[in-house]
Amino acid sequence: MMHRTASRAFIALWTLATVATVCAFLVHLALRGKTVGLGYELGRARADQARLREVKRVLEVEAASYKTPERVEIVARTLLGMEAPSPDRIISIAPLDGPHEHAIAESDSREGTVSPP
């Protein structure tokens, strides 16, 4: 009788150990699959990041080209129909004389700028 009880206990423990091993293996496979999936997702994200950096670089170059005087002149002449002013349309502004010049010089000195002589 003692032999039969020991045999049943051994089979129960053996079955429990086998089930625990299978469960641990399945958890390992699930985690491994998740790790591989995250690796692929990370690769796609890095590819997108590289593509967006290239797009940013191209857009910065394009934005810088729009700021050049030549580009501004081309847009002004072609799209806006502007022309350089004729000499009779240019008006010179004389420098300020009198009390107003002193007030401007004071406000410039408070702001840290130097006023013209």
PDB file of N, CA and C in Angstrom:
ATOM      1  N   MET A   1       0.815  -1.177   0.000  1.00  0.00           N
ATOM      2  CA  MET A   1       0.000   0.000   0.000  1.00  0.00           C
ATOM      3  C   MET A   1       0.866   1.250   0.000  1.00  0.00           C
ATOM      4  N   MET A   2       1.970   1.173   0.722  1.00  0.00           N
ATOM      5  CA  MET A   2       2.883   2.304   0.785  1.00  0.00           C
ATOM      6  C   MET A   2       3.489   2.581  -0.594  1.00  0.00           C
ATOM      7  N   HIS A   3       3.730   1.545  -1.318  1.00  0.00           N
ATOM      8  CA  HIS A   3       4.319   1.680  -2.643  1.00  0.00           C
ATOM      9  C   HIS A   3       3.347   2.364  -3.611  1.00  0.00           C
ATOM     10  N   ARG A   4       2.059   2.006  -3.488  1.00  0.00           N
ATOM     11  CA  ARG A   4       1.043   2.581  -4.347  1.00  0.00           C
ATOM     12  C   ARG A   4       0.846   4.074  -4.052  1.00  0.00           C
ATOM     13  N   THR A   5       0.864   4.501  -2.821  1.00  0.00           N
ATOM     14  CA  THR A   5       0.708   5.893  -2.432  1.00  0.00           C
ATOM     15  C   THR A   5       1.902   6.710  -2.905  1.00  0.00           C
ATOM     16  N   ALA A   6       3.086   6.165  -2.792  1.00  0.00           N
ATOM     17  CA  ALA A   6       4.286   6.853  -3.254  1.00  0.00           C
ATOM     18  C   ALA A   6       4.264   6.996  -4.759  1.00  0.00           C
ATOM     19  N   SER A   7       3.762   5.954  -5.444  1.00  0.00           N
ATOM     20  CA  SER A   7       3.692   5.998  -6.902  1.00  0.00           C
ATOM     21  C   SER A   7       2.698   7.077  -7.346  1.00  0.00           C
ATOM     22  N   ARG A   8       1.553   7.171  -6.692  1.00  0.00           N
ATOM     23  CA  ARG A   8       0.557   8.186  -7.042  1.00  0.00           C
ATOM     24  C   ARG A   8       1.099   9.598  -6.756  1.00  0.00           C
ATOM     25  N   ALA A   9       1.807   9.766  -5.665  1.00  0.00           N
ATOM     26  CA  ALA A   9       2.384  11.068  -5.338  1.00  0.00           C
ATOM     27  C   ALA A   9       3.436  11.452  -6.376  1.00  0.00           C
ATOM     28  N   PHE A  10       4.229  10.459  -6.801  1.00  0.00           N
ATOM     29  CA  PHE A  10       5.247  10.735  -7.815  1.00  0.00           C
ATOM     30  C   PHE A  10       4.597  11.154  -9.130  1.00  0.00           C
ATOM     31  N   ILE A  11       3.551  10.433  -9.540  1.00  0.00           N
ATOM     32  CA  ILE A  11       2.872  10.754 -10.807  1.00  0.00           C
ATOM     33  C   ILE A  11       2.229  12.141 -10.713  1.00  0.00           C
ATOM     34  N   ALA A  12       1.633  12.468  -9.586  1.00  0.00           N
ATOM     35  CA  ALA A  12       1.017  13.788  -9.416  1.00  0.00           C
ATOM     36  C   ALA A  12       2.081  14.876  -9.483  1.00  0.00           C
ATOM     37  N   LEU A  13       3.189  14.672  -8.795  1.00  0.00           N
ATOM     38  CA  LEU A  13       4.267  15.674  -8.844  1.00  0.00           C
ATOM     39  C   LEU A  13       4.872  15.762 -10.239  1.00  0.00           C
ATOM     40  N   TRP A  14       5.033  14.620 -10.893  1.00  0.00           N
ATOM     41  CA  TRP A  14       5.587  14.608 -12.255  1.00  0.00           C
ATOM     42  C   TRP A  14       4.650  15.362 -13.212  1.00  0.00           C
ATOM     43  N   THR A  15       3.372  15.136 -13.104  1.00  0.00           N
ATOM     44  CA  THR A  15       2.389  15.827 -13.954  1.00  0.00           C
ATOM     45  C   THR A  15       2.416  17.330 -13.673  1.00  0.00           C
ATOM     46  N   LEU A  16       2.471  17.680 -12.403  1.00  0.00           N
ATOM     47  CA  LEU A  16       2.531  19.102 -12.034  1.00  0.00           C
ATOM     48  C   LEU A  16       3.801  19.755 -12.582  1.00  0.00           C
ATOM     49  N   ALA A  17       4.923  19.068 -12.490  1.00  0.00           N
ATOM     50  CA  ALA A  17       6.179  19.605 -13.013  1.00  0.00           C
ATOM     51  C   ALA A  17       6.119  19.755 -14.528  1.00  0.00           C
ATOM     52  N   THR A  18       5.518  18.794 -15.208  1.00  0.00           N
ATOM     53  CA  THR A  18       5.395  18.855 -16.670  1.00  0.00           C
ATOM     54  C   THR A  18       4.487  20.022 -17.085  1.00  0.00           C
ATOM     55  N   VAL A  19       3.368  20.175 -16.404  1.00  0.00           N
ATOM     56  CA  VAL A  19       2.448  21.277 -16.718  1.00  0.00           C
ATOM     57  C   VAL A  19       3.135  22.620 -16.448  1.00  0.00           C
ATOM     58  N   ALA A  20       3.860  22.737 -15.353  1.00  0.00           N
ATOM     59  CA  ALA A  20       4.572  23.982 -15.041  1.00  0.00           C
ATOM     60  C   ALA A  20       5.636  24.266 -16.093  1.00  0.00           C
ATOM     61  N   THR A  21       6.333  23.231 -16.548  1.00  0.00           N
ATOM     62  CA  THR A  21       7.358  23.413 -17.582  1.00  0.00           C
ATOM     63  C   THR A  21       6.727  23.872 -18.894  1.00  0.00           C
ATOM     64  N   VAL A  22       5.615  23.254 -19.270  1.00  0.00           N
ATOM     65  CA  VAL A  22       4.923  23.648 -20.513  1.00  0.00           C
ATOM     66  C   VAL A  22       4.428  25.087 -20.397  1.00  0.00           C
ATOM     67  N   CYS A  23       3.870  25.448 -19.257  1.00  0.00           N
ATOM     68  CA  CYS A  23       3.392  26.828 -19.059  1.00  0.00           C
ATOM     69  C   CYS A  23       4.553  27.820 -19.129  1.00  0.00           C
ATOM     70  N   ALA A  24       5.669  27.488 -18.504  1.00  0.00           N
ATOM     71  CA  ALA A  24       6.832  28.378 -18.555  1.00  0.00           C
ATOM     72  C   ALA A  24       7.340  28.520 -19.983  1.00  0.00           C
ATOM     73  N   PHE A  25       7.333  27.430 -20.752  1.00  0.00           N
ATOM     74  CA  PHE A  25       7.774  27.484 -22.142  1.00  0.00           C
ATOM     75  C   PHE A  25       6.830  28.354 -22.975  1.00  0.00           C
ATOM     76  N   LEU A  26       5.521  28.226 -22.738  1.00  0.00           N
ATOM     77  CA  LEU A  26       4.558  29.046 -23.480  1.00  0.00           C
ATOM     78  C   LEU A  26       4.709  30.528 -23.146  1.00  0.00           C
ATOM     79  N   VAL A  27       4.954  30.833 -21.887  1.00  0.00           N
ATOM     80  CA  VAL A  27       5.191  32.229 -21.488  1.00  0.00           C
ATOM     81  C   VAL A  27       6.458  32.743 -22.156  1.00  0.00           C
ATOM     82  N   HIS A  28       7.496  31.897 -22.194  1.00  0.00           N
ATOM     83  CA  HIS A  28       8.746  32.286 -22.853  1.00  0.00           C
ATOM     84  C   HIS A  28       8.506  32.581 -24.334  1.00  0.00           C
ATOM     85  N   LEU A  29       7.749  31.710 -25.007  1.00  0.00           N
ATOM     86  CA  LEU A  29       7.457  31.930 -26.430  1.00  0.00           C
ATOM     87  C   LEU A  29       6.655  33.216 -26.644  1.00  0.00           C
ATOM     88  N   ALA A  30       5.695  33.464 -25.771  1.00  0.00           N
ATOM     89  CA  ALA A  30       4.879  34.682 -25.908  1.00  0.00           C
ATOM     90  C   ALA A  30       5.752  35.921 -25.731  1.00  0.00           C
ATOM     91  N   LEU A  31       6.626  35.905 -24.725  1.00  0.00           N
ATOM     92  CA  LEU A  31       7.505  37.052 -24.500  1.00  0.00           C
ATOM     93  C   LEU A  31       8.496  37.216 -25.647  1.00  0.00           C
ATOM     94  N   ARG A  32       8.989  36.107 -26.170  1.00  0.00           N
ATOM     95  CA  ARG A  32       9.925  36.177 -27.298  1.00  0.00           C
ATOM     96  C   ARG A  32       9.237  36.772 -28.529  1.00  0.00           C
ATOM     97  N   GLY A  33       8.002  36.347 -28.782  1.00  0.00           N
ATOM     98  CA  GLY A  33       7.232  36.901 -29.899  1.00  0.00           C
ATOM     99  C   GLY A  33       6.990  38.386 -29.724  1.00  0.00           C
ATOM    100  N   LYS A  34       6.671  38.782 -28.505  1.00  0.00           N
ATOM    101  CA  LYS A  34       6.451  40.210 -28.219  1.00  0.00           C
ATOM    102  C   LYS A  34       7.740  41.002 -28.442  1.00  0.00           C
ATOM    103  N   THR A  35       8.880  40.429 -28.017  1.00  0.00           N
ATOM    104  CA  THR A  35      10.173  41.100 -28.195  1.00  0.00           C
ATOM    105  C   THR A  35      10.499  41.276 -29.672  1.00  0.00           C
ATOM    106  N   VAL A  36      10.265  40.244 -30.456  1.00  0.00           N
ATOM    107  CA  VAL A  36      10.528  40.342 -31.905  1.00  0.00           C
ATOM    108  C   VAL A  36       9.609  41.388 -32.537  1.00  0.00           C
ATOM    109  N   GLY A  37       8.335  41.373 -32.154  1.00  0.00           N
ATOM    110  CA  GLY A  37       7.395  42.372 -32.691  1.00  0.00           C
ATOM    111  C   GLY A  37       7.814  43.792 -32.340  1.00  0.00           C
ATOM    112  N   LEU A  38       8.259  43.990 -31.103  1.00  0.00           N
ATOM    113  CA  LEU A  38       8.716  45.325 -30.702  1.00  0.00           C
ATOM    114  C   LEU A  38       9.985  45.718 -31.450  1.00  0.00           C
ATOM    115  N   GLY A  39      10.838  44.743 -31.746  1.00  0.00           N
ATOM    116  CA  GLY A  39      12.048  45.029 -32.531  1.00  0.00           C
ATOM    117  C   GLY A  39      11.704  45.533 -33.921  1.00  0.00           C
ATOM    118  N   TYR A  40      10.738  44.868 -34.573  1.00  0.00           N
ATOM    119  CA  TYR A  40      10.306  45.321 -35.899  1.00  0.00           C
ATOM    120  C   TYR A  40       9.675  46.716 -35.821  1.00  0.00           C
ATOM    121  N   GLU A  41       8.872  46.941 -34.794  1.00  0.00           N
ATOM    122  CA  GLU A  41       8.241  48.248 -34.624  1.00  0.00           C
ATOM    123  C   GLU A  41       9.289  49.336 -34.396  1.00  0.00           C
ATOM    124  N   LEU A  42      10.308  49.017 -33.621  1.00  0.00           N
ATOM    125  CA  LEU A  42      11.397  49.969 -33.388  1.00  0.00           C
ATOM    126  C   LEU A  42      12.135  50.272 -34.686  1.00  0.00           C
ATOM    127  N   GLY A  43      12.363  49.249 -35.499  1.00  0.00           N
ATOM    128  CA  GLY A  43      13.021  49.466 -36.793  1.00  0.00           C
ATOM    129  C   GLY A  43      12.211  50.389 -37.692  1.00  0.00           C
ATOM    130  N   ARG A  44      10.893  50.178 -37.722  1.00  0.00           N
ATOM    131  CA  ARG A  44      10.027  51.064 -38.532  1.00  0.00           C
ATOM    132  C   ARG A  44      10.052  52.487 -37.995  1.00  0.00           C
ATOM    133  N   ALA A  45      10.032  52.629 -36.667  1.00  0.00           N
ATOM    134  CA  ALA A  45      10.053  53.972 -36.077  1.00  0.00           C
ATOM    135  C   ALA A  45      11.359  54.679 -36.397  1.00  0.00           C
ATOM    136  N   ARG A  46      12.471  53.951 -36.355  1.00  0.00           N
ATOM    137  CA  ARG A  46      13.760  54.569 -36.691  1.00  0.00           C
ATOM    138  C   ARG A  46      13.826  54.948 -38.162  1.00  0.00           C
ATOM    139  N   ALA A  47      13.247  54.136 -39.030  1.00  0.00           N
ATOM    140  CA  ALA A  47      13.207  54.481 -40.460  1.00  0.00           C
ATOM    141  C   ALA A  47      12.359  55.735 -40.673  1.00  0.00           C
ATOM    142  N   ASP A  48      11.228  55.820 -39.985  1.00  0.00           N
ATOM    143  CA  ASP A  48      10.387  57.023 -40.078  1.00  0.00           C
ATOM    144  C   ASP A  48      11.131  58.245 -39.555  1.00  0.00           C
ATOM    145  N   GLN A  49      11.865  58.067 -38.463  1.00  0.00           N
ATOM    146  CA  GLN A  49      12.637  59.173 -37.893  1.00  0.00           C
ATOM    147  C   GLN A  49      13.683  59.667 -38.891  1.00  0.00           C
ATOM    148  N   ALA A  50      14.388  58.738 -39.536  1.00  0.00           N
ATOM    149  CA  ALA A  50      15.398  59.131 -40.527  1.00  0.00           C
ATOM    150  C   ALA A  50      14.749  59.855 -41.701  1.00  0.00           C
ATOM    151  N   ARG A  51      13.580  59.350 -42.148  1.00  0.00           N
ATOM    152  CA  ARG A  51      12.877  59.995 -43.262  1.00  0.00           C
ATOM    153  C   ARG A  51      12.434  61.398 -42.866  1.00  0.00           C
ATOM    154  N   LEU A  52      11.906  61.554 -41.649  1.00  0.00           N
ATOM    155  CA  LEU A  52      11.455  62.876 -41.202  1.00  0.00           C
ATOM    156  C   LEU A  52      12.615  63.842 -41.024  1.00  0.00           C
ATOM    157  N   ARG A  53      13.768  63.348 -40.587  1.00  0.00           N
ATOM    158  CA  ARG A  53      14.942  64.223 -40.493  1.00  0.00           C
ATOM    159  C   ARG A  53      15.361  64.717 -41.872  1.00  0.00           C
ATOM    160  N   GLU A  54      15.292  63.847 -42.865  1.00  0.00           N
ATOM    161  CA  GLU A  54      15.646  64.251 -44.232  1.00  0.00           C
ATOM    162  C   GLU A  54      14.638  65.271 -44.756  1.00  0.00           C
ATOM    163  N   VAL A  55      13.364  65.050 -44.491  1.00  0.00           N
ATOM    164  CA  VAL A  55      12.336  66.014 -44.914  1.00  0.00           C
ATOM    165  C   VAL A  55      12.574  67.357 -44.237  1.00  0.00           C
ATOM    166  N   LYS A  56      12.909  67.338 -42.951  1.00  0.00           N
ATOM    167  CA  LYS A  56      13.185  68.576 -42.220  1.00  0.00           C
ATOM    168  C   LYS A  56      14.367  69.311 -42.838  1.00  0.00           C
ATOM    169  N   ARG A  57      15.435  68.560 -43.173  1.00  0.00           N
ATOM    170  CA  ARG A  57      16.617  69.187 -43.771  1.00  0.00           C
ATOM    171  C   ARG A  57      16.258  69.829 -45.111  1.00  0.00           C
ATOM    172  N   VAL A  58      15.491  69.128 -45.930  1.00  0.00           N
ATOM    173  CA  VAL A  58      15.087  69.670 -47.234  1.00  0.00           C
ATOM    174  C   VAL A  58      14.231  70.922 -47.048  1.00  0.00           C
ATOM    175  N   LEU A  59      13.303  70.887 -46.093  1.00  0.00           N
ATOM    176  CA  LEU A  59      12.444  72.051 -45.854  1.00  0.00           C
ATOM    177  C   LEU A  59      13.234  73.238 -45.313  1.00  0.00           C
ATOM    178  N   GLU A  60      14.254  72.976 -44.477  1.00  0.00           N
ATOM    179  CA  GLU A  60      15.091  74.076 -43.983  1.00  0.00           C
ATOM    180  C   GLU A  60      15.863  74.726 -45.125  1.00  0.00           C
ATOM    181  N   VAL A  61      16.375  73.904 -46.041  1.00  0.00           N
ATOM    182  CA  VAL A  61      17.091  74.453 -47.202  1.00  0.00           C
ATOM    183  C   VAL A  61      16.129  75.260 -48.065  1.00  0.00           C
ATOM    184  N   GLU A  62      14.920  74.733 -48.257  1.00  0.00           N
ATOM    185  CA  GLU A  62      13.928  75.443 -49.065  1.00  0.00           C
ATOM    186  C   GLU A  62      13.529  76.752 -48.391  1.00  0.00           C
ATOM    187  N   ALA A  63      13.333  76.747 -47.080  1.00  0.00           N
ATOM    188  CA  ALA A  63      12.975  77.969 -46.359  1.00  0.00           C
ATOM    189  C   ALA A  63      14.098  78.997 -46.444  1.00  0.00           C
ATOM    190  N   ALA A  64      15.339  78.541 -46.352  1.00  0.00           N
ATOM    191  CA  ALA A  64      16.467  79.465 -46.458  1.00  0.00           C
ATOM    192  C   ALA A  64      16.532  80.079 -47.856  1.00  0.00           C
ATOM    193  N   SER A  65      16.177  79.289 -48.871  1.00  0.00           N
ATOM    194  CA  SER A  65      16.215  79.833 -50.233  1.00  0.00           C
ATOM    195  C   SER A  65      15.146  80.905 -50.426  1.00  0.00           C
ATOM    196  N   TYR A  66      14.029  80.808 -49.699  1.00  0.00           N
ATOM    197  CA  TYR A  66      12.980  81.814 -49.815  1.00  0.00           C
ATOM    198  C   TYR A  66      13.387  83.139 -49.178  1.00  0.00           C
ATOM    199  N   LYS A  67      14.372  83.113 -48.301  1.00  0.00           N
ATOM    200  CA  LYS A  67      14.786  84.332 -47.612  1.00  0.00           C
ATOM    201  C   LYS A  67      15.864  85.110 -48.361  1.00  0.00           C
ATOM    202  N   THR A  68      16.383  84.577 -49.449  1.00  0.00           N
ATOM    203  CA  THR A  68      17.441  85.284 -50.175  1.00  0.00           C
ATOM    204  C   THR A  68      16.844  86.483 -50.913  1.00  0.00           C
ATOM    205  N   PRO A  69      17.612  87.562 -51.029  1.00  0.00           N
ATOM    206  CA  PRO A  69      17.101  88.752 -51.729  1.00  0.00           C
ATOM    207  C   PRO A  69      16.708  88.459 -53.181  1.00  0.00           C
ATOM    208  N   GLU A  70      17.439  87.564 -53.826  1.00  0.00           N
ATOM    209  CA  GLU A  70      17.117  87.241 -55.221  1.00  0.00           C
ATOM    210  C   GLU A  70      15.733  86.605 -55.311  1.00  0.00           C
ATOM    211  N   ARG A  71      15.446  85.696 -54.409  1.00  0.00           N
ATOM    212  CA  ARG A  71      14.146  85.009 -54.401  1.00  0.00           C
ATOM    213  C   ARG A  71      13.019  86.003 -54.101  1.00  0.00           C
ATOM    214  N   VAL A  72      13.252  86.903 -53.144  1.00  0.00           N
ATOM    215  CA  VAL A  72      12.245  87.909 -52.801  1.00  0.00           C
ATOM    216  C   VAL A  72      11.979  88.801 -54.013  1.00  0.00           C
ATOM    217  N   GLU A  73      13.040  89.176 -54.713  1.00  0.00           N
ATOM    218  CA  GLU A  73      12.865  90.028 -55.907  1.00  0.00           C
ATOM    219  C   GLU A  73      12.098  89.292 -56.998  1.00  0.00           C
ATOM    220  N   ILE A  74      12.405  88.016 -57.212  1.00  0.00           N
ATOM    221  CA  ILE A  74      11.698  87.240 -58.239  1.00  0.00           C
ATOM    222  C   ILE A  74      10.208  87.144 -57.906  1.00  0.00           C
ATOM    223  N   VAL A  75       9.891  86.845 -56.663  1.00  0.00           N
ATOM    224  CA  VAL A  75       8.488  86.740 -56.252  1.00  0.00           C
ATOM    225  C   VAL A  75       7.807  88.096 -56.385  1.00  0.00           C
ATOM    226  N   ALA A  76       8.484  89.153 -55.969  1.00  0.00           N
ATOM    227  CA  ALA A  76       7.890  90.491 -56.053  1.00  0.00           C
ATOM    228  C   ALA A  76       7.604  90.870 -57.495  1.00  0.00           C
ATOM    229  N   ARG A  77       8.521  90.575 -58.389  1.00  0.00           N
ATOM    230  CA  ARG A  77       8.334  90.965 -59.799  1.00  0.00           C
ATOM    231  C   ARG A  77       7.327  90.064 -60.511  1.00  0.00           C
ATOM    232  N   THR A  78       7.409  88.745 -60.302  1.00  0.00           N
ATOM    233  CA  THR A  78       6.557  87.828 -61.078  1.00  0.00           C
ATOM    234  C   THR A  78       5.169  87.663 -60.467  1.00  0.00           C
ATOM    235  N   LEU A  79       5.095  87.279 -59.217  1.00  0.00           N
ATOM    236  CA  LEU A  79       3.794  86.982 -58.623  1.00  0.00           C
ATOM    237  C   LEU A  79       3.033  88.230 -58.204  1.00  0.00           C
ATOM    238  N   LEU A  80       3.751  89.237 -57.700  1.00  0.00           N
ATOM    239  CA  LEU A  80       3.082  90.427 -57.189  1.00  0.00           C
ATOM    240  C   LEU A  80       3.068  91.582 -58.182  1.00  0.00           C
ATOM    241  N   GLY A  81       3.784  91.460 -59.280  1.00  0.00           N
ATOM    242  CA  GLY A  81       3.793  92.503 -60.298  1.00  0.00           C
ATOM    243  C   GLY A  81       4.447  93.793 -59.839  1.00  0.00           C
ATOM    244  N   MET A  82       5.387  93.726 -58.932  1.00  0.00           N
ATOM    245  CA  MET A  82       6.058  94.921 -58.407  1.00  0.00           C
ATOM    246  C   MET A  82       7.243  95.280 -59.297  1.00  0.00           C
ATOM    247  N   GLU A  83       7.617  96.532 -59.249  1.00  0.00           N
ATOM    248  CA  GLU A  83       8.772  97.038 -59.990  1.00  0.00           C
ATOM    249  C   GLU A  83       9.591  97.918 -59.059  1.00  0.00           C
ATOM    250  N   ALA A  84      10.839  98.145 -59.449  1.00  0.00           N
ATOM    251  CA  ALA A  84      11.672  99.059 -58.673  1.00  0.00           C
ATOM    252  C   ALA A  84      11.103 100.470 -58.836  1.00  0.00           C
ATOM    253  N   PRO A  85      11.115 101.295 -57.792  1.00  0.00           N
ATOM    254  CA  PRO A  85      10.537 102.628 -57.905  1.00  0.00           C
ATOM    255  C   PRO A  85      11.409 103.526 -58.790  1.00  0.00           C
ATOM    256  N   SER A  86      10.739 104.395 -59.493  1.00  0.00           N
ATOM    257  CA  SER A  86      11.481 105.367 -60.307  1.00  0.00           C
ATOM    258  C   SER A  86      12.055 106.430 -59.366  1.00  0.00           C
ATOM    259  N   PRO A  87      13.114 107.124 -59.797  1.00  0.00           N
ATOM    260  CA  PRO A  87      13.742 108.130 -58.924  1.00  0.00           C
ATOM    261  C   PRO A  87      12.778 109.208 -58.430  1.00  0.00           C
ATOM    262  N   ASP A  88      11.767 109.557 -59.212  1.00  0.00           N
ATOM    263  CA  ASP A  88      10.844 110.600 -58.764  1.00  0.00           C
ATOM    264  C   ASP A  88       9.900 110.113 -57.653  1.00  0.00           C
ATOM    265  N   ARG A  89       9.826 108.783 -57.406  1.00  0.00           N
ATOM    266  CA  ARG A  89       8.968 108.241 -56.346  1.00  0.00           C
ATOM    267  C   ARG A  89       9.718 108.024 -55.038  1.00  0.00           C
ATOM    268  N   ILE A  90      11.041 108.235 -55.050  1.00  0.00           N
ATOM    269  CA  ILE A  90      11.845 108.049 -53.846  1.00  0.00           C
ATOM    270  C   ILE A  90      11.875 109.364 -53.080  1.00  0.00           C
ATOM    271  N   ILE A  91      11.516 109.323 -51.812  1.00  0.00           N
ATOM    272  CA  ILE A  91      11.473 110.519 -50.974  1.00  0.00           C
ATOM    273  C   ILE A  91      12.500 110.366 -49.870  1.00  0.00           C
ATOM    274  N   SER A  92      13.379 111.328 -49.768  1.00  0.00           N
ATOM    275  CA  SER A  92      14.374 111.316 -48.694  1.00  0.00           C
ATOM    276  C   SER A  92      13.774 111.925 -47.444  1.00  0.00           C
ATOM    277  N   ILE A  93      14.099 111.379 -46.309  1.00  0.00           N
ATOM    278  CA  ILE A  93      13.623 111.908 -45.038  1.00  0.00           C
ATOM    279  C   ILE A  93      14.810 112.535 -44.341  1.00  0.00           C
ATOM    280  N   ALA A  94      14.676 113.814 -44.017  1.00  0.00           N
ATOM    281  CA  ALA A  94      15.765 114.532 -43.355  1.00  0.00           C
ATOM    282  C   ALA A  94      15.856 114.082 -41.902  1.00  0.00           C
ATOM    283  N   PRO A  95      17.062 114.139 -41.308  1.00  0.00           N
ATOM    284  CA  PRO A  95      17.195 113.767 -39.894  1.00  0.00           C
ATOM    285  C   PRO A  95      16.416 114.747 -39.018  1.00  0.00           C
ATOM    286  N   LEU A  96      15.970 114.256 -37.899  1.00  0.00           N
ATOM    287  CA  LEU A  96      15.200 115.086 -36.980  1.00  0.00           C
ATOM    288  C   LEU A  96      16.104 116.113 -36.299  1.00  0.00           C
ATOM    289  N   ASP A  97      15.598 117.311 -36.131  1.00  0.00           N
ATOM    290  CA  ASP A  97      16.306 118.360 -35.394  1.00  0.00           C
ATOM    291  C   ASP A  97      15.407 118.820 -34.268  1.00  0.00           C
ATOM    292  N   GLY A  98      16.014 119.262 -33.204  1.00  0.00           N
ATOM    293  CA  GLY A  98      15.225 119.856 -32.128  1.00  0.00           C
ATOM    294  C   GLY A  98      14.991 118.909 -30.976  1.00  0.00           C
ATOM    295  N   PRO A  99      13.936 119.213 -30.182  1.00  0.00           N
ATOM    296  CA  PRO A  99      13.698 118.477 -28.932  1.00  0.00           C
ATOM    297  C   PRO A  99      13.343 117.007 -29.158  1.00  0.00           C
ATOM    298  N   HIS A 100      12.772 116.699 -30.303  1.00  0.00           N
ATOM    299  CA  HIS A 100      12.395 115.311 -30.556  1.00  0.00           C
ATOM    300  C   HIS A 100      13.623 114.420 -30.673  1.00  0.00           C
ATOM    301  N   GLU A 101      14.698 114.926 -31.242  1.00  0.00           N
ATOM    302  CA  GLU A 101      15.919 114.139 -31.405  1.00  0.00           C
ATOM    303  C   GLU A 101      16.488 113.764 -30.038  1.00  0.00           C
ATOM    304  N   HIS A 102      16.426 114.700 -29.068  1.00  0.00           N
ATOM    305  CA  HIS A 102      16.925 114.433 -27.722  1.00  0.00           C
ATOM    306  C   HIS A 102      16.096 113.316 -27.047  1.00  0.00           C
ATOM    307  N   ALA A 103      14.779 113.326 -27.221  1.00  0.00           N
ATOM    308  CA  ALA A 103      13.908 112.311 -26.626  1.00  0.00           C
ATOM    309  C   ALA A 103      14.182 110.945 -27.244  1.00  0.00           C
ATOM    310  N   ILE A 104      14.432 110.895 -28.530  1.00  0.00           N
ATOM    311  CA  ILE A 104      14.747 109.635 -29.200  1.00  0.00           C
ATOM    312  C   ILE A 104      16.082 109.100 -28.708  1.00  0.00           C
ATOM    313  N   ALA A 105      17.070 109.971 -28.545  1.00  0.00           N
ATOM    314  CA  ALA A 105      18.384 109.552 -28.059  1.00  0.00           C
ATOM    315  C   ALA A 105      18.279 108.990 -26.651  1.00  0.00           C
ATOM    316  N   GLU A 106      17.428 109.586 -25.800  1.00  0.00           N
ATOM    317  CA  GLU A 106      17.257 109.077 -24.439  1.00  0.00           C
ATOM    318  C   GLU A 106      16.606 107.702 -24.444  1.00  0.00           C
ATOM    319  N   SER A 107      15.588 107.508 -25.260  1.00  0.00           N
ATOM    320  CA  SER A 107      14.913 106.198 -25.295  1.00  0.00           C
ATOM    321  C   SER A 107      15.847 105.140 -25.860  1.00  0.00           C
ATOM    322  N   ASP A 108      16.692 105.503 -26.831  1.00  0.00           N
ATOM    323  CA  ASP A 108      17.653 104.544 -27.378  1.00  0.00           C
ATOM    324  C   ASP A 108      18.690 104.163 -26.340  1.00  0.00           C
ATOM    325  N   SER A 109      19.148 105.133 -25.525  1.00  0.00           N
ATOM    326  CA  SER A 109      20.172 104.826 -24.528  1.00  0.00           C
ATOM    327  C   SER A 109      19.601 103.937 -23.423  1.00  0.00           C
ATOM    328  N   ARG A 110      18.317 104.089 -23.112  1.00  0.00           N
ATOM    329  CA  ARG A 110      17.693 103.215 -22.103  1.00  0.00           C
ATOM    330  C   ARG A 110      17.570 101.789 -22.620  1.00  0.00           C
ATOM    331  N   GLU A 111      17.374 101.608 -23.922  1.00  0.00           N
ATOM    332  CA  GLU A 111      17.244 100.291 -24.508  1.00  0.00           C
ATOM    333  C   GLU A 111      18.598  99.666 -24.798  1.00  0.00           C
ATOM    334  N   GLY A 112      19.672 100.389 -24.614  1.00  0.00           N
ATOM    335  CA  GLY A 112      21.001  99.843 -24.847  1.00  0.00           C
ATOM    336  C   GLY A 112      21.507 100.026 -26.261  1.00  0.00           C
ATOM    337  N   THR A 113      20.807 100.862 -27.045  1.00  0.00           N
ATOM    338  CA  THR A 113      21.258 101.106 -28.414  1.00  0.00           C
ATOM    339  C   THR A 113      21.915 102.464 -28.485  1.00  0.00           C
ATOM    340  N   VAL A 114      22.649 102.635 -29.511  1.00  0.00           N
ATOM    341  CA  VAL A 114      23.346 103.915 -29.708  1.00  0.00           C
ATOM    342  C   VAL A 114      22.598 104.676 -30.802  1.00  0.00           C
ATOM    343  N   SER A 115      22.293 105.931 -30.526  1.00  0.00           N
ATOM    344  CA  SER A 115      21.591 106.732 -31.517  1.00  0.00           C
ATOM    345  C   SER A 115      22.583 107.296 -32.514  1.00  0.00           C
ATOM    346  N   PRO A 116      22.137 107.560 -33.742  1.00  0.00           N
ATOM    347  CA  PRO A 116      23.051 108.127 -34.760  1.00  0.00           C
ATOM    348  C   PRO A 116      23.437 109.560 -34.393  1.00  0.00           C
ATOM    349  N   PRO A 117      24.625 109.987 -34.790  1.00  0.00           N
ATOM    350  CA  PRO A 117      25.073 111.353 -34.460  1.00  0.00           C
ATOM    351  C   PRO A 117      24.286 112.420 -35.156  1.00  0.00           C
TER     352      PRO A 117
END
